[in-house]
Amino acid sequence: MEAGNGKQLEAENGNGKHLDAENGKIERADSKLIIINLFLRIFSFALSLAAVAIMVSSKQTKLVKPPTLPVAVPLTSKYTDSPALIYFVVALSLSISYTFITSFTTFWVLKKRFSSKSLLKYYLVLIVNDVVMIGLVGAAAGAGGCIGYLGLKGNSKVGWNKICNVYGKFCKQLSIAFGLSIGVGVVLIILVSLSAFSVHRLARKTLN
């Protein structure tokens, strides 16, 4: 009888632990994944902020002699001269807002210690939104990179002259901003992979 009661108590204790895990205790492995997710989002926020700051401050004035004038005149090159660069700033600004919000919500999830099912739903939402942001940031980096290439090489077939030989500082700032935007995209891809791995772990745990 005592042995039977002991086994029953162990079974009840085991069920209690299972219920605690379902009701809001995140395992150590899951907590580590959430912490990594949080730090990557903060890093992505910093990269996005730096890219926008550099792009917005990219401005250079040089004395240029237009073909139609006999003297050189001061001409300013800035990001607002190109719709593609304006889109770059808008897209990366959205990335700033998104990574700030998701960093806050991820920190909140870590503190609140959601159940496995709630955490699974949260990761699924993150994956969808992260993929959308990858598309936005990737398009911005591609559009900006195209403008940067034209500035560096020009296009003789349509009569577009290169400008980076004149506006060197401006082009250098653009290249740094484009590099940072690629970094944002890479971090977001890592976040999607990390969230997918977390979904796999949590789905197995929930089904079992």
Protein backbone atom coordinates (compact mmCIF):
# COMPACT_ATOMS: atom_id res chain seq x y z
CA MET A 1 0.00 0.00 0.00
CA GLU A 2 2.77 2.45 0.95
CA ALA A 3 4.66 1.71 -2.25
CA GLY A 4 1.46 2.21 -4.24
CA ASN A 5 0.77 5.48 -2.45
CA GLY A 6 4.36 6.61 -3.14
CA LYS A 7 3.97 5.92 -6.84
CA GLN A 8 0.65 7.77 -6.85
CA LEU A 9 2.25 10.77 -5.12
CA GLU A 10 5.11 10.74 -7.65
CA ALA A 11 2.60 10.62 -10.48
CA GLU A 12 0.69 13.53 -8.97
CA ASN A 13 3.92 15.48 -8.52
CA GLY A 14 4.84 14.77 -12.12
CA ASN A 15 1.43 15.95 -13.27
CA GLY A 16 1.86 19.07 -11.18
CA LYS A 17 5.15 19.85 -12.87
CA HIS A 18 3.53 19.31 -16.24
CA LEU A 19 0.69 21.65 -15.36
CA ASP A 20 3.13 24.29 -14.12
CA ALA A 21 4.97 24.14 -17.44
CA GLU A 22 1.71 24.50 -19.33
CA ASN A 23 0.49 27.35 -17.12
CA GLY A 24 3.43 29.62 -17.61
CA LYS A 25 6.87 28.32 -16.66
CA ILE A 26 9.27 28.53 -19.57
CA GLU A 27 12.03 25.96 -19.65
CA ARG A 28 15.64 27.14 -19.46
CA ALA A 29 16.31 26.20 -23.11
CA ASP A 30 13.28 28.22 -24.27
CA SER A 31 14.34 31.17 -22.10
CA LYS A 32 17.78 31.17 -23.75
CA LEU A 33 16.18 31.23 -27.20
CA ILE A 34 13.98 34.16 -26.20
CA ILE A 35 17.00 36.05 -24.83
CA ILE A 36 18.93 35.46 -28.07
CA ASN A 37 15.86 36.60 -30.01
CA LEU A 38 15.68 39.76 -27.88
CA PHE A 39 19.34 40.69 -28.36
CA LEU A 40 19.13 40.11 -32.13
CA ARG A 41 16.11 42.42 -32.33
CA ILE A 42 17.93 45.11 -30.37
CA PHE A 43 20.91 44.70 -32.71
CA SER A 44 18.63 44.99 -35.75
CA PHE A 45 17.10 48.14 -34.24
CA ALA A 46 20.57 49.67 -33.82
CA LEU A 47 21.58 48.81 -37.40
CA SER A 48 18.35 50.27 -38.80
CA LEU A 49 18.73 53.44 -36.76
CA ALA A 50 22.34 53.89 -37.88
CA ALA A 51 21.40 53.32 -41.55
CA VAL A 52 18.64 55.94 -41.44
CA ALA A 53 20.81 58.44 -39.55
CA ILE A 54 23.64 58.12 -42.06
CA MET A 55 21.33 58.32 -45.06
CA VAL A 56 19.44 61.38 -43.77
CA SER A 57 22.70 63.18 -43.01
CA SER A 58 24.19 62.35 -46.42
CA LYS A 59 24.62 65.73 -48.06
CA GLN A 60 27.51 67.27 -49.95
CA THR A 61 27.93 70.52 -51.88
CA LYS A 62 30.56 70.87 -54.59
CA LEU A 63 31.42 73.41 -57.26
CA VAL A 64 30.37 71.86 -60.55
CA LYS A 65 30.57 73.35 -64.04
CA PRO A 66 27.37 72.51 -65.94
CA PRO A 67 27.71 72.09 -69.71
CA THR A 68 25.38 75.04 -70.34
CA LEU A 69 27.20 77.52 -68.07
CA PRO A 70 30.66 79.09 -68.45
CA VAL A 71 31.40 79.05 -64.71
CA ALA A 72 31.19 76.50 -61.90
CA VAL A 73 28.22 76.73 -59.57
CA PRO A 74 27.60 75.09 -56.17
CA LEU A 75 25.41 72.01 -56.48
CA THR A 76 24.21 69.93 -53.57
CA SER A 77 23.64 66.19 -53.66
CA LYS A 78 21.33 64.70 -51.00
CA TYR A 79 19.16 61.64 -50.50
CA THR A 80 15.91 63.51 -51.28
CA ASP A 81 17.07 63.85 -54.90
CA SER A 82 16.19 60.19 -55.50
CA PRO A 83 12.80 58.49 -54.87
CA ALA A 84 14.67 55.21 -54.34
CA LEU A 85 16.67 56.73 -51.48
CA ILE A 86 13.51 58.24 -49.99
CA TYR A 87 11.97 54.76 -50.05
CA PHE A 88 15.12 53.45 -48.39
CA VAL A 89 14.65 55.89 -45.50
CA VAL A 90 10.93 55.06 -45.18
CA ALA A 91 11.53 51.28 -45.22
CA LEU A 92 14.35 51.42 -42.69
CA SER A 93 12.26 53.77 -40.51
CA LEU A 94 9.56 51.09 -40.48
CA SER A 95 12.25 48.60 -39.51
CA ILE A 96 13.22 50.86 -36.60
CA SER A 97 9.63 50.99 -35.36
CA TYR A 98 9.08 47.27 -35.89
CA THR A 99 12.25 46.09 -34.15
CA PHE A 100 11.62 48.46 -31.24
CA ILE A 101 8.08 47.14 -30.75
CA THR A 102 9.07 43.48 -31.10
CA SER A 103 12.03 43.96 -28.75
CA PHE A 104 9.64 45.34 -26.14
CA THR A 105 7.08 42.54 -26.64
CA THR A 106 9.81 39.86 -26.55
CA PHE A 107 11.11 41.29 -23.27
CA TRP A 108 7.54 41.29 -21.95
CA VAL A 109 7.05 37.64 -22.98
CA LEU A 110 10.29 36.75 -21.19
CA LYS A 111 9.18 38.48 -18.00
CA LYS A 112 5.59 37.18 -18.07
CA ARG A 113 6.73 33.62 -18.81
CA PHE A 114 3.98 32.53 -21.18
CA SER A 115 2.82 28.94 -21.55
CA SER A 116 4.15 26.81 -24.40
CA LYS A 117 0.97 27.25 -26.45
CA SER A 118 0.96 31.03 -26.06
CA LEU A 119 4.66 31.17 -26.88
CA LEU A 120 4.06 29.06 -29.98
CA LYS A 121 1.42 31.50 -31.23
CA TYR A 122 3.71 34.46 -30.51
CA TYR A 123 6.55 32.95 -32.55
CA LEU A 124 4.23 32.24 -35.49
CA VAL A 125 3.13 35.89 -35.54
CA LEU A 126 6.78 36.98 -35.36
CA ILE A 127 7.73 34.77 -38.31
CA VAL A 128 5.04 36.27 -40.55
CA ASN A 129 5.93 39.85 -39.62
CA ASP A 130 9.68 39.21 -39.87
CA VAL A 131 9.27 37.84 -43.39
CA VAL A 132 7.33 40.97 -44.40
CA MET A 133 10.11 43.16 -42.98
CA ILE A 134 12.74 41.14 -44.84
CA GLY A 135 10.88 41.95 -48.07
CA LEU A 136 10.72 45.67 -47.26
CA VAL A 137 14.34 45.96 -46.18
CA GLY A 138 15.57 43.81 -49.06
CA ALA A 139 13.71 45.96 -51.59
CA ALA A 140 15.12 49.11 -49.98
CA ALA A 141 18.67 47.77 -50.08
CA GLY A 142 18.24 46.68 -53.71
CA ALA A 143 16.78 50.02 -54.84
CA GLY A 144 19.41 52.00 -52.97
CA GLY A 145 22.20 49.79 -54.24
CA CYS A 146 21.05 50.36 -57.82
CA ILE A 147 21.24 54.14 -57.32
CA GLY A 148 24.65 53.73 -55.70
CA TYR A 149 25.91 51.74 -58.69
CA LEU A 150 24.69 54.39 -61.12
CA GLY A 151 26.41 57.05 -59.04
CA LEU A 152 29.63 55.06 -59.13
CA LYS A 153 29.61 53.86 -62.75
CA GLY A 154 26.98 55.95 -64.51
CA ASN A 155 25.19 54.76 -67.65
CA SER A 156 26.59 56.01 -70.92
CA LYS A 157 23.76 54.47 -72.97
CA VAL A 158 21.17 56.81 -71.48
CA GLY A 159 23.52 59.69 -70.78
CA TRP A 160 23.66 59.38 -66.98
CA ASN A 161 27.01 60.58 -65.73
CA LYS A 162 28.67 59.12 -62.67
CA ILE A 163 28.78 61.44 -59.65
CA CYS A 164 30.88 59.58 -57.09
CA ASN A 165 34.05 60.99 -58.63
CA VAL A 166 32.73 64.42 -57.59
CA TYR A 167 30.58 63.69 -54.54
CA GLY A 168 32.90 61.20 -52.88
CA LYS A 169 31.77 61.82 -49.30
CA PHE A 170 28.11 61.53 -50.27
CA CYS A 171 28.67 58.21 -52.04
CA LYS A 172 30.69 56.87 -49.13
CA GLN A 173 27.82 57.59 -46.74
CA LEU A 174 25.40 55.87 -49.11
CA SER A 175 27.56 52.76 -49.29
CA ILE A 176 27.75 52.57 -45.48
CA ALA A 177 23.97 52.93 -45.19
CA PHE A 178 23.44 50.21 -47.82
CA GLY A 179 25.83 47.90 -45.98
CA LEU A 180 23.97 48.44 -42.71
CA SER A 181 20.64 47.70 -44.41
CA ILE A 182 22.03 44.40 -45.70
CA GLY A 183 23.07 43.65 -42.13
CA VAL A 184 19.48 44.33 -41.00
CA GLY A 185 18.20 41.87 -43.59
CA VAL A 186 20.67 39.19 -42.51
CA VAL A 187 19.70 39.59 -38.84
CA LEU A 188 16.01 39.33 -39.75
CA ILE A 189 16.70 36.12 -41.69
CA ILE A 190 18.49 34.72 -38.63
CA LEU A 191 15.51 35.73 -36.48
CA VAL A 192 13.10 33.89 -38.79
CA SER A 193 15.29 30.77 -38.62
CA LEU A 194 15.52 31.04 -34.83
CA SER A 195 11.75 31.50 -34.48
CA ALA A 196 11.13 28.52 -36.79
CA PHE A 197 13.41 26.38 -34.62
CA SER A 198 11.55 27.56 -31.50
CA VAL A 199 8.21 26.72 -33.14
CA HIS A 200 9.52 23.23 -33.90
CA ARG A 201 10.56 22.72 -30.25
CA LEU A 202 7.34 24.09 -28.82
CA ALA A 203 5.12 22.17 -31.25
CA ARG A 204 6.75 18.88 -30.26
CA LYS A 205 6.38 19.75 -26.59
CA THR A 206 2.73 20.76 -26.97
CA LEU A 207 1.82 17.64 -28.96
CA ASN A 208 3.52 15.40 -26.43
